[in-house]
N, C-alpha and C. Protein backbone atom coordinates (compact mmCIF):
# COMPACT_ATOMS: atom_id res chain seq x y z
N UNK A 1 53.50 -46.64 69.50
CA UNK A 1 54.55 -46.66 70.52
C UNK A 1 55.82 -47.23 69.95
N UNK A 2 56.89 -46.66 70.34
CA UNK A 2 58.19 -47.12 69.88
C UNK A 2 58.56 -48.40 70.60
N UNK A 3 59.34 -49.22 69.90
CA UNK A 3 59.76 -50.50 70.48
C UNK A 3 60.61 -50.28 71.72
N UNK A 4 61.36 -49.25 71.67
CA UNK A 4 62.30 -49.03 72.76
C UNK A 4 61.58 -48.67 74.05
N UNK A 5 60.47 -47.99 73.96
CA UNK A 5 59.81 -47.57 75.17
C UNK A 5 59.14 -48.72 75.89
N UNK A 6 58.69 -49.74 75.15
CA UNK A 6 58.02 -50.87 75.79
C UNK A 6 58.98 -52.01 76.08
N UNK A 7 60.12 -51.98 75.45
CA UNK A 7 61.08 -53.07 75.68
C UNK A 7 61.78 -52.86 77.02
N UNK A 8 61.90 -53.96 77.75
CA UNK A 8 62.65 -53.83 79.01
C UNK A 8 64.14 -53.66 78.72
N UNK A 9 64.73 -52.82 79.47
CA UNK A 9 66.16 -52.58 79.28
C UNK A 9 66.95 -53.44 80.27
N UNK A 10 68.00 -53.86 79.72
CA UNK A 10 68.86 -54.66 80.61
C UNK A 10 69.96 -53.79 81.15
N UNK A 11 70.51 -54.22 82.24
CA UNK A 11 71.57 -53.46 82.87
C UNK A 11 72.86 -53.51 82.09
N UNK A 12 73.08 -54.59 81.32
CA UNK A 12 74.35 -54.70 80.62
C UNK A 12 74.22 -54.04 79.27
N UNK A 13 75.19 -53.37 78.87
CA UNK A 13 75.17 -52.71 77.57
C UNK A 13 75.94 -53.52 76.55
N UNK A 14 76.09 -54.81 76.79
CA UNK A 14 76.85 -55.68 75.90
C UNK A 14 76.02 -56.09 74.71
N UNK A 15 76.51 -57.01 73.91
CA UNK A 15 75.91 -57.42 72.67
C UNK A 15 74.80 -58.41 72.86
N UNK A 16 74.74 -59.14 73.93
CA UNK A 16 73.71 -60.17 74.08
C UNK A 16 72.66 -59.71 75.05
N UNK A 17 71.40 -60.10 74.70
CA UNK A 17 70.29 -59.78 75.58
C UNK A 17 69.85 -61.06 76.26
N UNK A 18 69.35 -60.98 77.43
CA UNK A 18 68.88 -62.17 78.13
C UNK A 18 67.69 -62.76 77.40
N UNK A 19 67.37 -64.02 77.61
CA UNK A 19 66.31 -64.73 76.90
C UNK A 19 64.94 -64.17 77.23
N UNK A 20 64.69 -63.61 78.38
CA UNK A 20 63.40 -63.00 78.76
C UNK A 20 63.12 -61.77 77.91
N UNK A 21 64.12 -61.10 77.54
CA UNK A 21 63.96 -59.90 76.72
C UNK A 21 63.57 -60.29 75.33
N UNK A 22 64.14 -61.34 74.83
CA UNK A 22 63.80 -61.79 73.48
C UNK A 22 62.33 -62.18 73.41
N UNK A 23 61.84 -62.82 74.45
CA UNK A 23 60.45 -63.22 74.46
C UNK A 23 59.54 -62.00 74.55
N UNK A 24 59.94 -61.00 75.28
CA UNK A 24 59.17 -59.77 75.42
C UNK A 24 59.08 -59.04 74.07
N UNK A 25 60.17 -59.03 73.35
CA UNK A 25 60.19 -58.38 72.04
C UNK A 25 59.31 -59.15 71.09
N UNK A 26 59.38 -60.47 71.16
CA UNK A 26 58.58 -61.32 70.29
C UNK A 26 57.09 -61.09 70.58
N UNK A 27 56.77 -61.08 71.87
CA UNK A 27 55.38 -60.87 72.26
C UNK A 27 54.92 -59.47 71.81
N UNK A 28 55.77 -58.49 71.96
CA UNK A 28 55.46 -57.12 71.54
C UNK A 28 55.19 -57.07 70.04
N UNK A 29 56.03 -57.73 69.27
CA UNK A 29 55.86 -57.73 67.83
C UNK A 29 54.56 -58.43 67.42
N UNK A 30 54.21 -59.49 68.15
CA UNK A 30 52.96 -60.19 67.84
C UNK A 30 51.77 -59.28 68.16
N UNK A 31 51.80 -58.65 69.31
CA UNK A 31 50.71 -57.75 69.68
C UNK A 31 50.62 -56.58 68.69
N UNK A 32 51.79 -56.11 68.33
CA UNK A 32 51.82 -55.00 67.38
C UNK A 32 51.22 -55.42 66.03
N UNK A 33 51.54 -56.60 65.58
CA UNK A 33 51.00 -57.13 64.33
C UNK A 33 49.49 -57.31 64.45
N UNK A 34 49.02 -57.80 65.63
CA UNK A 34 47.58 -57.99 65.83
C UNK A 34 46.86 -56.64 65.79
N UNK A 35 47.43 -55.63 66.41
CA UNK A 35 46.82 -54.28 66.40
C UNK A 35 46.79 -53.73 64.98
N UNK A 36 47.89 -53.96 64.26
CA UNK A 36 47.94 -53.49 62.87
C UNK A 36 46.86 -54.18 62.03
N UNK A 37 46.66 -55.50 62.26
CA UNK A 37 45.61 -56.23 61.54
C UNK A 37 44.23 -55.65 61.85
N UNK A 38 44.00 -55.40 63.16
CA UNK A 38 42.70 -54.84 63.56
C UNK A 38 42.48 -53.47 62.91
N UNK A 39 43.52 -52.65 62.92
CA UNK A 39 43.39 -51.31 62.29
C UNK A 39 43.10 -51.45 60.79
N UNK A 40 43.76 -52.38 60.16
CA UNK A 40 43.54 -52.61 58.73
C UNK A 40 42.11 -53.05 58.48
N UNK A 41 41.60 -53.96 59.34
CA UNK A 41 40.23 -54.45 59.18
C UNK A 41 39.22 -53.31 59.39
N UNK A 42 39.46 -52.50 60.42
CA UNK A 42 38.55 -51.37 60.68
C UNK A 42 38.56 -50.40 59.49
N UNK A 43 39.73 -50.09 58.96
CA UNK A 43 39.82 -49.19 57.82
C UNK A 43 39.10 -49.77 56.61
N UNK A 44 39.26 -51.09 56.42
CA UNK A 44 38.61 -51.74 55.29
C UNK A 44 37.09 -51.69 55.45
N UNK A 45 36.60 -51.91 56.69
CA UNK A 45 35.16 -51.85 56.94
C UNK A 45 34.63 -50.43 56.69
N UNK A 46 35.41 -49.43 57.09
CA UNK A 46 34.99 -48.04 56.85
C UNK A 46 34.92 -47.74 55.36
N UNK A 47 35.89 -48.22 54.61
CA UNK A 47 35.87 -48.02 53.15
C UNK A 47 34.64 -48.67 52.53
N UNK A 48 34.35 -49.90 52.98
CA UNK A 48 33.18 -50.61 52.46
C UNK A 48 31.89 -49.87 52.80
N UNK A 49 31.82 -49.37 54.03
CA UNK A 49 30.63 -48.63 54.46
C UNK A 49 30.49 -47.35 53.63
N UNK A 50 31.60 -46.66 53.40
CA UNK A 50 31.55 -45.43 52.60
C UNK A 50 31.13 -45.74 51.17
N UNK A 51 31.64 -46.83 50.61
CA UNK A 51 31.27 -47.23 49.25
C UNK A 51 29.79 -47.58 49.19
N UNK A 52 29.32 -48.32 50.22
CA UNK A 52 27.91 -48.68 50.28
C UNK A 52 27.04 -47.42 50.36
N UNK A 53 27.47 -46.49 51.19
CA UNK A 53 26.72 -45.24 51.37
C UNK A 53 26.67 -44.46 50.06
N UNK A 54 27.79 -44.40 49.37
CA UNK A 54 27.80 -43.66 48.10
C UNK A 54 26.95 -44.37 47.06
N UNK A 55 26.93 -45.71 47.10
CA UNK A 55 26.09 -46.45 46.16
C UNK A 55 24.62 -46.23 46.50
N UNK A 56 24.29 -46.16 47.77
CA UNK A 56 22.92 -45.93 48.19
C UNK A 56 22.53 -44.49 47.84
N UNK A 57 23.42 -43.54 48.01
CA UNK A 57 23.13 -42.15 47.70
C UNK A 57 23.02 -41.93 46.21
N UNK A 58 23.80 -42.65 45.44
CA UNK A 58 23.84 -42.45 44.01
C UNK A 58 22.49 -42.69 43.34
N UNK A 59 21.79 -43.79 43.67
CA UNK A 59 20.49 -43.97 43.02
C UNK A 59 19.52 -42.84 43.32
N UNK A 60 19.52 -42.29 44.54
CA UNK A 60 18.62 -41.18 44.81
C UNK A 60 19.07 -39.97 44.02
N UNK A 61 20.37 -39.80 43.87
CA UNK A 61 20.87 -38.72 43.03
C UNK A 61 20.47 -38.95 41.59
N UNK A 62 20.58 -40.21 41.16
CA UNK A 62 20.16 -40.53 39.80
C UNK A 62 18.67 -40.33 39.63
N UNK A 63 17.91 -40.70 40.67
CA UNK A 63 16.47 -40.51 40.56
C UNK A 63 16.12 -39.02 40.53
N UNK A 64 16.88 -38.23 41.30
CA UNK A 64 16.60 -36.79 41.26
C UNK A 64 17.02 -36.23 39.91
N UNK A 65 18.12 -36.76 39.36
CA UNK A 65 18.52 -36.34 38.03
C UNK A 65 17.47 -36.80 37.03
N UNK A 66 17.01 -38.02 37.20
CA UNK A 66 15.98 -38.55 36.32
C UNK A 66 14.70 -37.72 36.46
N UNK A 67 14.37 -37.35 37.68
CA UNK A 67 13.19 -36.52 37.92
C UNK A 67 13.37 -35.16 37.23
N UNK A 68 14.56 -34.58 37.36
CA UNK A 68 14.84 -33.30 36.71
C UNK A 68 14.75 -33.44 35.20
N UNK A 69 15.28 -34.55 34.67
CA UNK A 69 15.21 -34.78 33.23
C UNK A 69 13.76 -34.91 32.79
N UNK A 70 12.96 -35.66 33.58
CA UNK A 70 11.55 -35.81 33.25
C UNK A 70 10.84 -34.46 33.27
N UNK A 71 11.18 -33.67 34.27
CA UNK A 71 10.57 -32.35 34.39
C UNK A 71 10.95 -31.47 33.20
N UNK A 72 12.22 -31.50 32.81
CA UNK A 72 12.66 -30.69 31.67
C UNK A 72 12.02 -31.19 30.38
N UNK A 73 11.86 -32.51 30.24
CA UNK A 73 11.20 -33.06 29.05
C UNK A 73 9.74 -32.62 29.02
N UNK A 74 9.08 -32.67 30.19
CA UNK A 74 7.68 -32.24 30.27
C UNK A 74 7.55 -30.75 29.93
N UNK A 75 8.47 -29.93 30.47
CA UNK A 75 8.43 -28.50 30.19
C UNK A 75 8.72 -28.22 28.72
N UNK A 76 9.62 -29.00 28.14
CA UNK A 76 9.93 -28.84 26.70
C UNK A 76 8.69 -29.17 25.87
N UNK A 77 7.98 -30.23 26.26
CA UNK A 77 6.76 -30.60 25.53
C UNK A 77 5.70 -29.50 25.66
N UNK A 78 5.57 -28.96 26.87
CA UNK A 78 4.61 -27.88 27.07
C UNK A 78 4.97 -26.67 26.21
N UNK A 79 6.26 -26.36 26.18
CA UNK A 79 6.73 -25.23 25.37
C UNK A 79 6.45 -25.47 23.89
N UNK A 80 6.71 -26.68 23.43
CA UNK A 80 6.44 -27.00 22.03
C UNK A 80 4.95 -26.90 21.73
N UNK A 81 4.12 -27.38 22.65
CA UNK A 81 2.67 -27.30 22.41
C UNK A 81 2.20 -25.85 22.40
N UNK A 82 2.77 -25.03 23.28
CA UNK A 82 2.40 -23.61 23.29
C UNK A 82 2.87 -22.91 22.02
N UNK A 83 4.08 -23.25 21.57
CA UNK A 83 4.57 -22.67 20.32
C UNK A 83 3.70 -23.10 19.15
N UNK A 84 3.28 -24.36 19.15
CA UNK A 84 2.39 -24.85 18.09
C UNK A 84 1.06 -24.10 18.13
N UNK A 85 0.54 -23.89 19.32
CA UNK A 85 -0.71 -23.14 19.48
C UNK A 85 -0.53 -21.70 18.98
N UNK A 86 0.61 -21.08 19.32
CA UNK A 86 0.86 -19.72 18.85
C UNK A 86 0.98 -19.67 17.32
N UNK A 87 1.65 -20.66 16.74
CA UNK A 87 1.75 -20.71 15.28
C UNK A 87 0.37 -20.88 14.65
N UNK A 88 -0.46 -21.73 15.27
CA UNK A 88 -1.82 -21.95 14.76
C UNK A 88 -2.63 -20.65 14.84
N UNK A 89 -2.53 -19.97 15.98
CA UNK A 89 -3.26 -18.70 16.12
C UNK A 89 -2.73 -17.65 15.16
N UNK A 90 -1.42 -17.61 14.98
CA UNK A 90 -0.81 -16.65 14.06
C UNK A 90 -1.35 -16.87 12.65
N UNK A 91 -1.40 -18.12 12.24
CA UNK A 91 -1.94 -18.46 10.92
C UNK A 91 -3.41 -18.05 10.82
N UNK A 92 -4.17 -18.36 11.86
CA UNK A 92 -5.59 -18.00 11.88
C UNK A 92 -5.78 -16.49 11.75
N UNK A 93 -5.01 -15.71 12.55
CA UNK A 93 -5.16 -14.26 12.52
C UNK A 93 -4.68 -13.67 11.20
N UNK A 94 -3.66 -14.27 10.60
CA UNK A 94 -3.21 -13.78 9.28
C UNK A 94 -4.30 -14.03 8.24
N UNK A 95 -4.95 -15.20 8.32
CA UNK A 95 -6.05 -15.49 7.40
C UNK A 95 -7.19 -14.49 7.60
N UNK A 96 -7.53 -14.24 8.87
CA UNK A 96 -8.60 -13.29 9.18
C UNK A 96 -8.24 -11.89 8.66
N UNK A 97 -6.99 -11.48 8.88
CA UNK A 97 -6.55 -10.18 8.42
C UNK A 97 -6.62 -10.09 6.90
N UNK A 98 -6.24 -11.15 6.21
CA UNK A 98 -6.34 -11.19 4.76
C UNK A 98 -7.78 -11.03 4.29
N UNK A 99 -8.69 -11.75 4.96
CA UNK A 99 -10.12 -11.64 4.60
C UNK A 99 -10.64 -10.23 4.84
N UNK A 100 -10.26 -9.65 5.97
CA UNK A 100 -10.71 -8.29 6.30
C UNK A 100 -10.16 -7.29 5.29
N UNK A 101 -8.88 -7.43 4.93
CA UNK A 101 -8.29 -6.51 3.95
C UNK A 101 -8.97 -6.65 2.59
N UNK A 102 -9.26 -7.87 2.20
CA UNK A 102 -9.94 -8.11 0.93
C UNK A 102 -11.34 -7.48 0.94
N UNK A 103 -12.06 -7.70 2.05
CA UNK A 103 -13.41 -7.13 2.18
C UNK A 103 -13.35 -5.61 2.19
N UNK A 104 -12.35 -5.06 2.87
CA UNK A 104 -12.16 -3.60 2.92
C UNK A 104 -11.89 -3.04 1.53
N UNK A 105 -11.05 -3.74 0.75
CA UNK A 105 -10.76 -3.28 -0.62
C UNK A 105 -12.02 -3.32 -1.47
N UNK A 106 -12.83 -4.36 -1.33
CA UNK A 106 -14.09 -4.45 -2.08
C UNK A 106 -15.04 -3.32 -1.68
N UNK A 107 -15.12 -3.06 -0.37
CA UNK A 107 -16.00 -1.98 0.12
C UNK A 107 -15.52 -0.63 -0.41
N UNK A 108 -14.21 -0.42 -0.41
CA UNK A 108 -13.65 0.84 -0.90
C UNK A 108 -13.98 1.02 -2.38
N UNK A 109 -13.80 -0.05 -3.15
CA UNK A 109 -14.08 0.00 -4.58
C UNK A 109 -15.55 0.31 -4.83
N UNK A 110 -16.44 -0.38 -4.09
CA UNK A 110 -17.87 -0.16 -4.23
C UNK A 110 -18.24 1.27 -3.82
N UNK A 111 -17.72 1.73 -2.70
CA UNK A 111 -18.02 3.09 -2.23
C UNK A 111 -17.52 4.13 -3.23
N UNK A 112 -16.34 3.92 -3.75
CA UNK A 112 -15.78 4.85 -4.73
C UNK A 112 -16.64 4.89 -5.99
N UNK A 113 -17.07 3.73 -6.44
CA UNK A 113 -17.91 3.64 -7.63
C UNK A 113 -19.25 4.36 -7.38
N UNK A 114 -19.86 4.12 -6.22
CA UNK A 114 -21.14 4.77 -5.89
C UNK A 114 -20.95 6.29 -5.80
N UNK A 115 -19.84 6.73 -5.22
CA UNK A 115 -19.59 8.17 -5.11
C UNK A 115 -19.49 8.81 -6.49
N UNK A 116 -18.74 8.18 -7.40
CA UNK A 116 -18.58 8.76 -8.74
C UNK A 116 -19.90 8.76 -9.51
N UNK A 117 -20.71 7.73 -9.35
CA UNK A 117 -22.03 7.70 -9.99
C UNK A 117 -22.91 8.83 -9.46
N UNK A 118 -22.91 9.00 -8.13
CA UNK A 118 -23.73 10.06 -7.53
C UNK A 118 -23.23 11.45 -7.96
N UNK A 119 -21.92 11.62 -8.04
CA UNK A 119 -21.37 12.91 -8.46
C UNK A 119 -21.74 13.20 -9.91
N UNK A 120 -21.65 12.18 -10.76
CA UNK A 120 -22.03 12.38 -12.17
C UNK A 120 -23.51 12.73 -12.30
N UNK A 121 -24.35 12.07 -11.51
CA UNK A 121 -25.79 12.34 -11.55
C UNK A 121 -26.08 13.78 -11.12
N UNK A 122 -25.41 14.21 -10.07
CA UNK A 122 -25.62 15.58 -9.58
C UNK A 122 -25.12 16.61 -10.58
N UNK A 123 -24.04 16.34 -11.25
CA UNK A 123 -23.53 17.29 -12.24
C UNK A 123 -24.52 17.48 -13.38
N UNK A 124 -25.24 16.40 -13.74
CA UNK A 124 -26.23 16.51 -14.82
C UNK A 124 -27.45 17.32 -14.39
N UNK A 125 -27.80 17.26 -13.09
CA UNK A 125 -29.01 17.97 -12.63
C UNK A 125 -28.76 19.44 -12.34
N UNK A 126 -27.56 19.83 -12.06
CA UNK A 126 -27.26 21.23 -11.74
C UNK A 126 -27.06 22.00 -13.03
N UNK A 127 -27.68 23.19 -13.06
CA UNK A 127 -27.54 24.05 -14.24
C UNK A 127 -26.11 24.55 -14.32
N UNK A 128 -25.59 24.54 -15.50
CA UNK A 128 -24.24 25.11 -15.65
C UNK A 128 -24.28 26.62 -15.46
N UNK A 129 -23.39 27.15 -14.79
CA UNK A 129 -23.34 28.59 -14.54
C UNK A 129 -22.59 29.29 -15.66
N UNK A 130 -22.96 30.49 -15.76
CA UNK A 130 -22.27 31.31 -16.75
C UNK A 130 -20.92 31.70 -16.20
N UNK A 131 -20.00 31.67 -17.08
CA UNK A 131 -18.66 32.03 -16.68
C UNK A 131 -18.34 33.45 -17.17
N UNK A 132 -19.10 33.93 -18.08
CA UNK A 132 -18.86 35.29 -18.61
C UNK A 132 -19.42 36.33 -17.63
N UNK A 133 -18.80 37.46 -17.57
CA UNK A 133 -19.28 38.50 -16.66
C UNK A 133 -20.63 39.07 -17.11
N UNK A 134 -21.45 39.41 -16.14
CA UNK A 134 -22.76 39.98 -16.44
C UNK A 134 -22.67 41.51 -16.40
N UNK A 135 -23.39 42.09 -17.24
CA UNK A 135 -23.49 43.55 -17.28
C UNK A 135 -22.13 44.21 -17.36
N UNK A 136 -21.27 43.68 -18.17
CA UNK A 136 -19.91 44.22 -18.25
C UNK A 136 -19.88 45.62 -18.85
N UNK A 137 -20.82 45.92 -19.74
CA UNK A 137 -20.87 47.27 -20.33
C UNK A 137 -21.17 48.32 -19.29
N UNK A 138 -22.15 48.05 -18.44
CA UNK A 138 -22.51 49.01 -17.39
C UNK A 138 -21.37 49.14 -16.37
N UNK A 139 -20.71 48.06 -16.09
CA UNK A 139 -19.59 48.08 -15.14
C UNK A 139 -18.48 49.00 -15.67
N UNK A 140 -18.19 48.92 -16.93
CA UNK A 140 -17.15 49.77 -17.54
C UNK A 140 -17.57 51.25 -17.51
N UNK A 141 -18.89 51.50 -17.78
CA UNK A 141 -19.40 52.89 -17.75
C UNK A 141 -19.29 53.48 -16.35
N UNK A 142 -19.59 52.67 -15.30
CA UNK A 142 -19.51 53.16 -13.92
C UNK A 142 -18.06 53.50 -13.58
N UNK A 143 -17.14 52.69 -13.94
CA UNK A 143 -15.72 52.95 -13.66
C UNK A 143 -15.27 54.24 -14.37
N UNK A 144 -15.68 54.41 -15.60
CA UNK A 144 -15.29 55.63 -16.33
C UNK A 144 -15.90 56.86 -15.67
N UNK A 145 -17.16 56.77 -15.22
CA UNK A 145 -17.84 57.87 -14.56
C UNK A 145 -17.11 58.26 -13.28
N UNK A 146 -16.69 57.24 -12.51
CA UNK A 146 -15.95 57.51 -11.26
C UNK A 146 -14.61 58.20 -11.55
N UNK A 147 -13.98 57.83 -12.61
CA UNK A 147 -12.68 58.44 -12.94
C UNK A 147 -12.87 59.90 -13.38
N UNK A 148 -13.93 60.13 -14.16
CA UNK A 148 -14.15 61.49 -14.68
C UNK A 148 -14.63 62.44 -13.58
N UNK A 149 -15.37 61.96 -12.64
CA UNK A 149 -15.96 62.82 -11.59
C UNK A 149 -15.46 62.35 -10.22
N UNK A 150 -14.21 62.50 -9.93
CA UNK A 150 -13.62 62.06 -8.66
C UNK A 150 -14.28 62.73 -7.47
N UNK A 151 -14.62 63.95 -7.59
CA UNK A 151 -15.18 64.68 -6.45
C UNK A 151 -16.71 64.72 -6.49
N UNK A 152 -17.33 64.29 -7.57
CA UNK A 152 -18.79 64.31 -7.68
C UNK A 152 -19.30 62.91 -8.06
N UNK A 153 -19.03 61.92 -7.20
CA UNK A 153 -19.39 60.53 -7.48
C UNK A 153 -20.89 60.29 -7.44
N UNK A 154 -21.65 61.16 -6.80
CA UNK A 154 -23.10 60.96 -6.73
C UNK A 154 -23.77 61.15 -8.10
N UNK A 155 -23.09 61.81 -8.98
CA UNK A 155 -23.64 61.99 -10.34
C UNK A 155 -23.68 60.66 -11.09
N UNK A 156 -22.94 59.65 -10.61
CA UNK A 156 -22.89 58.31 -11.26
C UNK A 156 -23.94 57.38 -10.67
N UNK A 157 -24.83 57.85 -9.81
CA UNK A 157 -25.76 56.98 -9.11
C UNK A 157 -26.77 56.34 -10.05
N UNK A 158 -27.18 57.04 -11.13
CA UNK A 158 -28.13 56.44 -12.06
C UNK A 158 -27.52 55.20 -12.74
N UNK A 159 -26.25 55.31 -13.07
CA UNK A 159 -25.56 54.16 -13.68
C UNK A 159 -25.46 53.00 -12.68
N UNK A 160 -25.19 53.30 -11.42
CA UNK A 160 -25.06 52.27 -10.38
C UNK A 160 -26.41 51.57 -10.20
N UNK A 161 -27.54 52.30 -10.22
CA UNK A 161 -28.86 51.70 -10.08
C UNK A 161 -29.15 50.78 -11.27
N UNK A 162 -28.80 51.22 -12.44
CA UNK A 162 -29.03 50.40 -13.64
C UNK A 162 -28.19 49.12 -13.57
N UNK A 163 -26.98 49.26 -13.06
CA UNK A 163 -26.10 48.08 -12.91
C UNK A 163 -26.69 47.09 -11.90
N UNK A 164 -27.23 47.58 -10.78
CA UNK A 164 -27.84 46.71 -9.78
C UNK A 164 -29.04 45.96 -10.37
N UNK A 165 -29.88 46.65 -11.15
CA UNK A 165 -31.04 45.99 -11.78
C UNK A 165 -30.56 44.89 -12.75
N UNK A 166 -29.52 45.21 -13.51
CA UNK A 166 -28.98 44.23 -14.49
C UNK A 166 -28.47 42.98 -13.78
N UNK A 167 -27.74 43.15 -12.69
CA UNK A 167 -27.17 42.02 -11.93
C UNK A 167 -28.31 41.23 -11.32
N UNK A 168 -29.31 41.88 -10.75
CA UNK A 168 -30.42 41.17 -10.11
C UNK A 168 -31.23 40.39 -11.15
N UNK A 169 -31.39 40.92 -12.34
CA UNK A 169 -32.10 40.22 -13.40
C UNK A 169 -31.29 38.98 -13.84
N UNK A 170 -30.00 39.13 -13.97
CA UNK A 170 -29.14 38.00 -14.39
C UNK A 170 -29.13 36.89 -13.30
N UNK A 171 -29.23 37.31 -12.09
CA UNK A 171 -29.20 36.36 -10.98
C UNK A 171 -30.48 35.52 -10.94
N UNK A 172 -31.61 36.16 -11.20
CA UNK A 172 -32.89 35.46 -11.18
C UNK A 172 -33.03 34.55 -12.39
N UNK A 173 -32.57 34.96 -13.48
CA UNK A 173 -32.79 34.24 -14.73
C UNK A 173 -31.82 33.17 -14.97
C-alpha cells in the first residue's frame, strides 16, 4: 500500500502538517517495517526449508546413483566373467579342433598307405593282358575279301569263322 493512501489528509495544503499526522505516519512506518521484517523472516524460512528438502532429496538421489553404479559394476563383472568363459571355451574348442584335424590327417595317411598297398597287391595277382592285337592276319584277310567281293560278301564266311575261332581261343588262353 502506498503511504499516501493510508495517510490522513489534512485540509490545509500548506507546508506544515498537524502533529497527529506525524504520529500516524510514524506508526505507519513502524507497522510497515514490522510487516517487511515478517515477510523477510517467512522468505528466509522458506529458503531454509527448500535447502533442507534438497539436502534430504540429494542423499536418496546419491543412493540411487550409487545403486545404479553398483548395478553397472555388477553387470560389468558379469560381462567380464562371460567373456572369460567364452575365451576359455574358444581355447578349448580350438584345441579340440586341432586334435581332430591331427587325427584326421593321420587317418588319411594310414588309409592312403593301405589303399596303395592293396592296389599293389592286386596288380601283382592280376595277369597282365596282351596289348597286341589277336589274329591280326585273319582280320586283314577278311577286310581284303570284303573289298574284293563287295556284292558277294558271303563268300568270305569261311574266313570270318576262322577269325571267330582264333579270337575265342585267344580269349580262353
